[in-house]
Every structure is written in C-alpha cells, then in structure tokens.
Protein backbone atom coordinates (compact mmCIF):
# COMPACT_ATOMS: atom_id res chain seq x y z
CA MET A 1 25.67 61.26 -30.39
CA PHE A 2 25.27 58.42 -32.93
CA LEU A 3 28.55 59.42 -34.57
CA ASP A 4 29.70 55.79 -34.71
CA PHE A 5 26.47 54.84 -36.48
CA PHE A 6 27.01 57.61 -39.04
CA LEU A 7 30.59 56.44 -39.63
CA LEU A 8 29.43 52.83 -39.95
CA LEU A 9 27.04 53.81 -42.75
CA LYS A 10 29.70 55.86 -44.48
CA ASN A 11 32.40 53.19 -44.19
CA ARG A 12 30.03 50.59 -45.67
CA GLY A 13 29.58 52.71 -48.79
CA LEU A 14 26.23 54.41 -48.13
CA PRO A 15 26.24 58.01 -49.47
CA VAL A 16 25.43 59.81 -46.20
CA SER A 17 26.55 63.39 -45.64
CA LEU A 18 27.49 65.43 -42.60
CA MET A 19 24.57 67.80 -43.16
CA GLU A 20 22.13 64.89 -43.09
CA TYR A 21 23.71 63.64 -39.86
CA LEU A 22 23.37 67.10 -38.27
CA SER A 23 19.73 67.25 -39.39
CA LEU A 24 19.13 63.89 -37.70
CA LEU A 25 20.67 65.16 -34.44
CA GLU A 26 18.53 68.28 -34.59
CA ALA A 27 15.39 66.21 -35.09
CA VAL A 28 16.32 63.91 -32.18
CA ASN A 29 17.02 66.89 -29.90
CA LYS A 30 13.59 68.31 -30.74
CA GLY A 31 11.89 65.04 -29.74
CA VAL A 32 10.73 63.98 -33.20
CA ALA A 33 11.36 60.30 -32.41
CA GLU A 34 9.47 60.56 -29.09
CA ARG A 35 11.73 57.98 -27.39
CA ASN A 36 10.26 55.26 -29.60
CA ILE A 37 12.63 52.86 -31.37
CA ASP A 38 10.35 52.47 -34.41
CA ASN A 39 10.03 56.22 -34.77
CA PHE A 40 13.78 56.59 -34.39
CA TYR A 41 14.38 53.99 -37.11
CA TYR A 42 12.12 55.83 -39.58
CA LEU A 43 13.65 59.18 -38.60
CA CYS A 44 17.15 57.84 -39.32
CA ARG A 45 15.99 56.37 -42.60
CA VAL A 46 14.29 59.50 -43.89
CA SER A 47 17.17 61.72 -42.71
CA LEU A 48 20.11 59.71 -44.05
CA ILE A 49 18.94 57.65 -47.04
CA LYS A 50 18.34 59.36 -50.37
CA SER A 51 17.81 56.40 -52.70
CA GLU A 52 15.59 53.32 -52.47
CA GLN A 53 18.44 51.07 -53.57
CA HIS A 54 20.23 51.67 -50.22
CA LEU A 55 17.27 50.83 -47.97
CA ASP A 56 18.09 47.17 -47.47
CA ASP A 57 21.73 47.90 -46.64
CA PHE A 58 20.56 50.58 -44.21
CA ASP A 59 18.23 48.09 -42.49
CA SER A 60 21.08 45.62 -42.07
CA LEU A 61 23.46 48.22 -40.66
CA PHE A 62 20.79 49.71 -38.38
CA GLY A 63 20.19 46.25 -36.96
CA LEU A 64 23.92 45.63 -36.66
CA TYR A 65 24.53 48.84 -34.73
CA PHE A 66 21.42 49.16 -32.57
CA LYS A 67 20.86 45.50 -31.93
CA GLY A 68 24.06 43.72 -32.85
CA ILE A 69 22.55 40.25 -32.79
CA GLU A 70 24.05 39.73 -36.28
CA ASN A 71 27.43 39.61 -34.52
CA ILE A 72 26.35 36.26 -33.07
CA SER A 73 26.59 33.69 -35.84
CA ASP A 74 23.58 31.58 -36.75
CA GLU A 75 25.76 28.51 -36.30
CA THR A 76 26.35 29.41 -32.65
CA ILE A 77 22.65 30.04 -32.04
CA TYR A 78 21.75 26.68 -33.50
CA GLN A 79 24.18 24.98 -31.11
CA ILE A 80 21.95 25.89 -28.15
CA PRO A 81 20.11 22.68 -27.25
CA GLU A 82 16.36 22.94 -27.78
CA GLU A 83 15.60 21.67 -24.26
CA TRP A 84 17.40 24.68 -22.76
CA LEU A 85 14.66 26.90 -24.18
CA ARG A 86 11.65 24.61 -23.71
CA LYS A 87 8.75 26.23 -21.89
CA ASN A 88 7.79 24.08 -18.88
CA SER A 89 5.70 26.63 -17.04
CA GLU A 90 4.66 30.27 -17.14
CA ARG A 91 6.20 32.68 -14.65
CA ILE A 92 4.46 35.93 -13.81
CA PHE A 93 6.75 38.69 -12.53
CA SER A 94 5.38 41.24 -10.09
CA LYS A 95 6.06 44.94 -10.61
CA GLU A 96 8.31 44.94 -7.54
CA GLU A 97 10.38 42.05 -8.91
CA MET A 98 10.80 43.79 -12.23
CA GLU A 99 12.01 47.01 -10.61
CA LYS A 100 14.81 45.13 -8.81
CA ILE A 101 16.21 43.61 -12.02
CA LYS A 102 18.95 45.67 -13.60
CA GLY A 103 20.24 45.69 -17.14
CA MET A 104 23.86 44.85 -17.93
CA GLY A 105 24.66 48.37 -19.07
CA GLY A 106 24.69 48.39 -22.83
CA LEU A 107 24.62 46.39 -25.99
CA GLN A 108 28.34 45.69 -26.14
CA LYS A 109 28.34 44.13 -22.69
CA LEU A 110 25.36 41.99 -23.65
CA LEU A 111 27.17 40.68 -26.70
CA GLU A 112 30.40 40.01 -24.84
CA ARG A 113 28.57 38.17 -22.07
CA ILE A 114 26.47 35.97 -24.37
CA GLN A 115 29.60 34.90 -26.25
CA GLU A 116 31.12 33.86 -22.91
CA LEU A 117 27.99 31.88 -22.00
CA PHE A 118 28.07 30.00 -25.30
CA LYS A 119 31.47 28.66 -24.25
CA GLU A 120 30.75 28.07 -20.54
CA GLN A 121 27.18 26.73 -20.30
CA LYS A 122 26.80 22.95 -20.37
CA GLU A 123 23.20 22.28 -19.25
CA ARG A 124 19.65 23.61 -19.16
CA HIS A 125 18.71 26.35 -16.67
CA GLN A 126 15.35 27.64 -15.56
CA GLY A 127 14.46 30.55 -13.32
CA GLY A 128 17.98 31.89 -12.87
CA SER A 129 19.65 35.24 -13.38
CA LYS A 130 22.86 34.25 -15.15
CA TRP A 131 22.63 31.52 -17.77
CA ILE A 132 20.78 31.15 -21.07
CA GLY A 133 17.47 29.66 -20.00
CA THR A 134 13.78 30.11 -19.35
CA ASN A 135 11.50 31.76 -16.77
CA GLY A 136 14.37 33.70 -15.21
CA THR A 137 15.79 37.20 -14.95
CA SER A 138 18.83 36.51 -17.11
CA PRO A 139 19.22 38.80 -20.12
CA PHE A 140 19.42 35.72 -22.37
CA GLY A 141 16.75 33.16 -23.14
CA ALA A 142 12.98 32.83 -23.26
CA TYR A 143 9.84 33.40 -21.15
CA GLY A 144 11.58 35.43 -18.48
CA TYR A 145 12.14 39.12 -17.85
CA ASN A 146 15.04 41.53 -18.18
CA PRO A 147 14.92 45.26 -18.95
CA GLU A 148 17.62 44.79 -21.61
CA GLY A 149 18.03 41.34 -23.05
CA VAL A 150 18.47 39.11 -26.08
CA ARG A 151 15.41 36.96 -26.71
CA ILE A 152 16.28 33.46 -27.98
CA GLY A 153 13.85 30.70 -28.88
CA GLN A 154 10.66 32.52 -27.89
CA ASN A 155 7.90 32.70 -30.48
CA GLU A 156 6.55 36.10 -29.44
CA SER A 157 7.29 39.13 -27.33
CA ARG A 158 5.87 39.27 -23.78
CA HIS A 159 7.35 42.35 -22.10
CA ARG A 160 8.55 44.29 -25.17
CA ARG A 161 11.99 44.78 -23.60
CA ALA A 162 14.29 42.79 -25.88
CA VAL A 163 16.71 44.80 -27.98
CA LYS A 164 14.84 45.70 -31.19
CA VAL A 165 15.06 43.07 -33.93
CA TRP A 166 15.29 44.22 -37.55
CA ASP A 167 15.59 40.82 -39.17
CA GLU A 168 12.47 41.19 -41.33
CA ARG A 169 13.42 43.68 -44.02
CA HIS A 170 11.16 44.76 -46.86
CA PHE A 171 13.53 46.41 -49.30
CA LYS A 172 15.56 43.58 -50.79
CA ASP A 173 13.94 44.02 -54.19
CA LEU A 174 15.20 47.61 -54.31
CA LYS A 175 18.90 46.78 -54.11
CA ASP A 176 20.89 47.63 -57.20
CA ASP A 177 21.82 44.05 -58.10
CA VAL A 178 18.31 42.66 -58.58
CA GLU A 179 16.07 42.65 -61.63
CA LEU A 180 13.86 45.65 -62.08
CA GLU A 181 10.19 46.23 -61.48
CA THR A 182 8.27 49.07 -63.11
CA ARG A 183 8.34 51.26 -59.98
CA ASN A 184 12.11 51.30 -59.51
CA LEU A 185 12.76 51.11 -63.24
CA LYS A 186 11.05 54.49 -63.62
CA LEU A 187 13.29 55.84 -60.89
CA ALA A 188 16.40 54.60 -62.68
CA LEU A 189 15.35 55.95 -66.08
CA LYS A 190 14.40 59.31 -64.60
CA ARG A 191 18.10 60.15 -64.31
CA LEU A 192 18.34 60.31 -68.09
CA ARG A 193 15.68 62.98 -68.45
CA LYS A 194 17.01 66.30 -69.66
CA ILE A 195 14.92 69.20 -68.41
CA THR A 196 15.27 72.49 -70.26
CA ARG A 197 13.27 75.69 -70.50
CA GLU A 198 11.90 76.61 -73.90
CA GLY A 199 8.88 78.13 -75.62
CA ASN A 200 6.85 81.16 -74.62
CA GLU A 201 7.66 82.93 -71.38
CA GLU A 202 4.61 81.87 -69.37
CA GLU A 203 6.00 81.00 -65.92
CA LEU A 204 6.71 83.56 -63.19
CA ASP A 205 10.38 83.82 -62.22
CA ILE A 206 10.03 84.69 -58.53
CA LYS A 207 13.72 85.39 -57.80
CA GLN A 208 14.17 87.66 -60.79
CA THR A 209 10.87 89.40 -60.05
CA ILE A 210 12.01 90.22 -56.51
CA ARG A 211 15.41 91.44 -57.75
CA LYS A 212 13.98 93.57 -60.55
CA THR A 213 11.30 95.01 -58.26
CA SER A 214 13.99 95.99 -55.73
CA GLU A 215 16.03 97.65 -58.48
CA ASN A 216 12.87 99.44 -59.62
CA ALA A 217 12.46 101.30 -56.30
CA GLY A 218 9.79 98.91 -55.07
CA PHE A 219 7.50 99.18 -58.08
CA LEU A 220 6.43 95.72 -59.17
CA LYS A 221 8.25 94.42 -62.24
CA LEU A 222 7.25 90.93 -63.29
CA GLU A 223 9.83 88.67 -64.85
CA MET A 224 8.71 85.60 -66.79
CA LEU A 225 10.56 82.57 -68.15
CA PRO A 226 9.71 79.58 -70.38
CA GLU A 227 8.24 76.50 -68.78
CA LYS A 228 10.34 73.41 -68.11
CA LYS A 229 10.14 70.61 -70.66
CA ASN A 230 11.59 67.13 -70.78
CA ASN A 231 13.63 67.16 -73.99
CA VAL A 232 15.57 63.93 -73.95
CA LYS A 233 14.91 61.85 -77.08
CA VAL A 234 15.06 58.06 -76.90
CA LEU A 235 15.08 55.50 -79.71
CA LEU A 236 14.26 52.09 -78.24
CA LEU A 237 14.99 48.95 -80.28
CA LEU A 238 13.61 45.78 -78.67
CA ASP A 239 14.48 42.20 -79.53
CA ILE A 240 11.30 40.12 -79.57
CA GLY A 241 10.47 36.44 -79.98
CA GLY A 242 12.51 33.27 -79.57
CA SER A 243 14.72 33.25 -76.48
CA MET A 244 13.42 36.72 -75.57
CA ASP A 245 10.09 35.14 -74.63
CA ASP A 246 11.74 34.20 -71.33
CA HIS A 247 12.19 37.91 -70.57
CA ILE A 248 8.92 39.28 -71.93
CA GLU A 249 7.55 40.43 -68.56
CA LEU A 250 10.71 42.31 -67.62
CA CYS A 251 10.96 43.95 -71.05
CA SER A 252 7.28 44.92 -70.88
CA GLN A 253 7.99 46.69 -67.59
CA LEU A 254 10.94 48.49 -69.19
CA PHE A 255 8.78 49.58 -72.13
CA SER A 256 6.01 50.78 -69.78
CA ALA A 257 8.46 52.78 -67.67
CA ALA A 258 10.16 54.30 -70.72
CA LYS A 259 6.83 55.44 -72.18
CA TYR A 260 6.02 57.09 -68.85
CA GLU A 261 9.37 58.83 -68.39
CA PHE A 262 10.23 60.10 -71.87
CA ARG A 263 8.19 62.59 -73.82
CA HIS A 264 10.08 61.89 -77.03
CA LEU A 265 10.20 58.09 -77.32
CA GLU A 266 10.27 56.08 -80.53
CA PHE A 267 10.35 52.28 -80.45
CA PHE A 268 10.78 49.47 -82.95
CA TYR A 269 11.12 45.69 -82.78
CA PHE A 270 13.70 43.34 -84.28
CA HIS A 271 14.48 39.65 -83.90
CA ASN A 272 17.93 38.57 -82.70
CA CYS A 273 19.84 41.14 -84.75
CA VAL A 274 18.98 44.30 -86.68
CA TYR A 275 18.80 43.94 -90.44
CA GLU A 276 17.22 45.97 -93.27
CA MET A 277 13.73 45.99 -91.72
CA LEU A 278 12.17 46.81 -88.31
CA TRP A 279 8.54 46.83 -87.20
CA LYS A 280 6.16 48.27 -84.62
CA ASN A 281 3.41 45.65 -84.71
CA ASN A 282 4.68 42.15 -84.09
CA VAL A 283 1.48 40.54 -85.39
CA ARG A 284 1.82 42.31 -88.75
CA ARG A 285 5.60 42.41 -88.88
CA TRP A 286 5.84 41.18 -92.48
CA ASP A 287 3.06 43.45 -93.79
CA GLU A 288 4.03 46.65 -91.98
CA ALA A 289 7.82 46.50 -91.86
CA ILE A 290 9.79 49.74 -91.76
CA SER A 291 13.04 50.21 -93.62
CA THR A 292 16.06 50.61 -91.33
CA TYR A 293 17.35 53.14 -93.87
CA ASP A 294 14.20 55.19 -93.28
CA LEU A 295 14.84 55.11 -89.54
CA LEU A 296 18.42 56.30 -90.07
CA ASN A 297 17.21 59.17 -92.24
CA LYS A 298 14.22 60.17 -90.13
CA TYR A 299 15.71 60.50 -86.64
CA ASN A 300 18.39 63.00 -85.76
CA SER A 301 21.66 61.98 -84.15
CA ASP A 302 20.62 63.61 -80.84
CA TYR A 303 18.43 60.58 -80.07
CA LYS A 304 19.73 58.21 -77.38
CA LEU A 305 19.77 54.71 -78.87
CA ILE A 306 18.91 51.88 -76.46
CA PHE A 307 18.96 48.25 -77.62
CA VAL A 308 17.14 45.73 -75.43
CA GLY A 309 17.89 42.09 -76.13
CA ASP A 310 19.57 38.95 -74.84
CA ALA A 311 22.06 38.97 -77.76
CA SER A 312 21.76 35.17 -77.77
CA MET A 313 21.86 33.80 -81.33
CA SER A 314 24.08 32.08 -83.81
CA PRO A 315 27.23 34.14 -84.50
CA TYR A 316 26.39 33.78 -88.22
CA GLU A 317 23.33 35.99 -87.65
CA ILE A 318 25.66 38.82 -86.70
CA MET A 319 28.68 38.31 -88.93
CA MET A 320 27.49 36.65 -92.15
CA LYS A 321 25.42 37.55 -95.21
CA HIS A 322 22.35 35.25 -95.38
CA GLY A 323 22.96 34.37 -91.73
CA ALA A 324 19.57 35.56 -90.39
CA VAL A 325 17.39 32.81 -89.00
CA GLU A 326 14.19 34.02 -90.71
CA HIS A 327 15.24 35.36 -94.12
CA TYR A 328 18.16 35.77 -96.49
CA ASN A 329 19.71 39.04 -95.49
CA GLU A 330 21.81 40.63 -98.22
CA GLU A 331 24.07 42.32 -95.69
CA ALA A 332 25.41 40.98 -92.41
CA GLY A 333 23.78 42.14 -89.19
CA ILE A 334 27.01 43.80 -88.03
CA VAL A 335 26.84 46.08 -91.09
CA TRP A 336 23.46 47.44 -89.96
CA LEU A 337 24.55 47.65 -86.36
CA ASN A 338 27.56 49.72 -87.37
CA ARG A 339 25.37 52.06 -89.40
CA LEU A 340 23.24 52.67 -86.34
CA LYS A 341 26.29 53.21 -84.15
CA SER A 342 27.73 55.70 -86.64
CA LYS A 343 24.51 57.72 -86.63
CA PHE A 344 23.66 57.60 -82.94
CA LYS A 345 26.77 58.26 -80.87
CA ASP A 346 24.94 57.86 -77.55
CA MET A 347 24.15 54.15 -77.60
CA VAL A 348 23.87 51.32 -75.04
CA TRP A 349 22.65 47.72 -75.00
CA LEU A 350 20.56 46.39 -72.09
CA ASN A 351 20.71 42.63 -71.64
CA PRO A 352 18.18 40.72 -69.46
CA VAL A 353 20.53 37.72 -69.22
CA PRO A 354 22.37 37.71 -65.86
CA GLN A 355 25.79 39.27 -66.35
CA GLN A 356 27.68 36.30 -64.92
CA GLU A 357 26.34 34.19 -67.83
CA TRP A 358 27.47 36.48 -70.65
CA SER A 359 30.80 34.75 -71.14
CA TRP A 360 29.02 31.47 -71.91
CA THR A 361 27.52 32.74 -75.20
CA HIS A 362 29.74 33.72 -78.13
CA SER A 363 27.15 36.04 -79.69
CA ILE A 364 26.85 38.04 -76.45
CA LYS A 365 30.61 38.57 -76.50
CA LEU A 366 30.38 39.74 -80.13
CA ILE A 367 27.61 42.24 -79.36
CA LYS A 368 29.44 43.44 -76.25
CA GLU A 369 32.51 44.08 -78.41
CA TYR A 370 30.34 45.91 -80.95
CA THR A 371 28.99 48.22 -78.23
CA GLU A 372 32.53 48.94 -77.01
CA ASP A 373 31.63 47.53 -73.59
CA ARG A 374 28.44 49.57 -73.34
CA MET A 375 26.34 46.48 -72.64
CA PHE A 376 24.66 46.56 -69.24
CA PRO A 377 22.45 44.10 -67.32
CA LEU A 378 18.77 44.84 -66.74
CA THR A 379 19.23 45.66 -63.06
CA ILE A 380 19.02 48.96 -61.21
CA ARG A 381 22.80 49.18 -61.20
CA GLY A 382 22.92 48.29 -64.89
CA ILE A 383 20.32 50.92 -65.79
CA SER A 384 22.21 53.52 -63.73
CA GLU A 385 25.48 52.69 -65.49
CA ALA A 386 23.74 52.81 -68.88
CA VAL A 387 22.25 56.21 -68.09
CA ASN A 388 25.68 57.52 -67.12
CA ALA A 389 27.10 56.19 -70.41
CA LEU A 390 24.33 57.92 -72.36
CA LYS A 391 24.97 61.21 -70.62
C-alpha cells in the first residue's frame, strides 16, 4: 500500500526511510487518517518528512501522486476555449441521479482519458457525460457532478468530489536554495552545536541507575552524571557598511540566530576586509577599536571562525599596502586574513551575494581562493554546507 508513493519520494531525493514508511502504514491501518484526505496528507508529512527544507518538494510530489493534475501541462489547459466552461445555468442533481453516476476507476484512467479529450474535442458541450463541459456528469469540466473528476475552470467547489488539489503550498521559503529567515536560520545553525557533559554530577542517569540497582540485588544505587552543555565556540566577524547595507536585514537575522544558538559567541565588525583593527560598536568604531593582534592572542584556536560579508571591494583592498578605502593600512588585508586562517583552522566565509553572481566580481574570487573554497551563500543549503565544513 502506497509503496509507489514511497519510492517516488525516495527517487526524487527526499531522505525517507523504510521504518518511516512502515510507521505510516501502521498509522493508516489504525485509522489515524480517518478516511480524510487532509488528515492523510498531514499524516504522510509528519511520518515521512524530517526537515522543513523538504516540505515544499513533498507537497509537489504528494500532489503529483495523489492528484496527478501536474501531468497535464498548463499550456494544454489554457488551450481549452473559455466558452466551453462558461456557466449558462445552474443544474441541481438529485440524490438518485448522483448514485447512478460512476467514477472512471482511478486516477490514471482519468489522466489518460482527459489527454484523449484534449485531442478529440472540437466544440463546447453542456449537460453531457463524456466531454469537457459544464452542467453534466462528465468527470471533466465545471458546474456538474462526478464522484471522481478533474475540476477545470470552476471558481469554487460545489460537491467536494474533485481529486484533491495541492497547488497552494506554504513551504517555498523553507527550501534550501532560498535566503534565510531567523526561524530556519536557527535550525541550520543548530547543527553546529556541540553538546557535551561536564561539571558537577547533578543529573540522574536512569539507565545506569537501573543497571547498578540490579547488580546490587535490588537495593537502590543512584548513578549521577554531569549536565549537558553547549560547548561550541564561535567567533563571528561581520562586514558592515557600504555595499553591505543592501544585506543588513539578512545579516541582522543571522546575528540574532547565532546569539540564540551559541553559548560561547564573540563578534566583531570590519569594513570590506580585515586589517589591524576591529570594533564592536559601529557608532564609536574609531574611538573603541580593538587590535586584531589582541583578538588573535585572546581567543583559542578551538573557536570556529565565521566571516560574513559580500567580499565586494577593490582588489587593492585585499592585496596591497595602503589599499584600504578608509585609512592607510601598513599591511595588506590578505596578510591579516592569513594570520586569522593560521590561528583558526575551522573557518568559513558566508556571502549574502547570490552564488551565481560571484564570478562577476574579482574580489569575491580572491576571497574565495583565500578560504580554499570554503565560501558559502547565505541560504539554508549554504549554511548546512558551512556547518559541515566547520565540523
């Protein structure tokens, strides 16, 4: 049962497992969906889909398998003359009439037949049982009745018997090739968190307590263990000002999510490229600057270094002494970047510029080369790849 649907999901790249499929069958057999197509859709989704980024693909494939109307091209639909579907009158079907009308016997037969009709039908029909039309008992058209049909050109449902339509999907912003929002950005960053147990033994270890009690002839023997702590350390360096103003909202969401996810987070700002000074307060950047040397000496090499910037600048700002746009730097930006890379082995660069545009800007190619191809776009997929690189 539903094996073809399971294989469709798997063949299209969704990470569904056999155990999840068996759980779905068990739930269906126990009547969880209650013979309701909406309930069945949500049951399939909660049983088979583990990540938000796959929800939109799941919706499309669910519609493809259980409705199949996507198999009929939009171009073909638009070729149906509007007058064929025009509502001239309202037909009310009696209960007895409805009981006499039979379905065609399945979705595949519906699809095969409608493709044939697209080729054969030449004029408008009303009240019939065969052609695409109105007010009839044909499975195809508008303002009629059929226990299993494809509704075309009708602005609302009347009998609730058309094959379920899943065209309106709500998860497109969760796919892994779109820019992030704070909610799914937190989900992506969560994968970097390193949970360890340390400190005083204050948490009850239930499994060990049961085992030790059994070994102790049934006399209770409590076993404790340290509590779990999030120990990943992140050093976040954010480009600010200039062309980065176009990405300020997205970078603010990244900063908000990072502060929420990481217990040990340190952040500093720079402009275009890192030089001898960084800062934490952009308003007082010249008065409260922090030496980059101090940063290198203060933070251990176990910090994960994450640059966030569009890497869009004059190449001189990276490669040349005195090339900075705001001051006369005594050492080239690449010198400071290499010092950071030498100290922090786990390093990535997140770029809010769409990846397909990177090749247009020479400085982006220079920074990408500096990172040894560890530059990633600010998308869910990019964050996921960056997290894997940091691990």
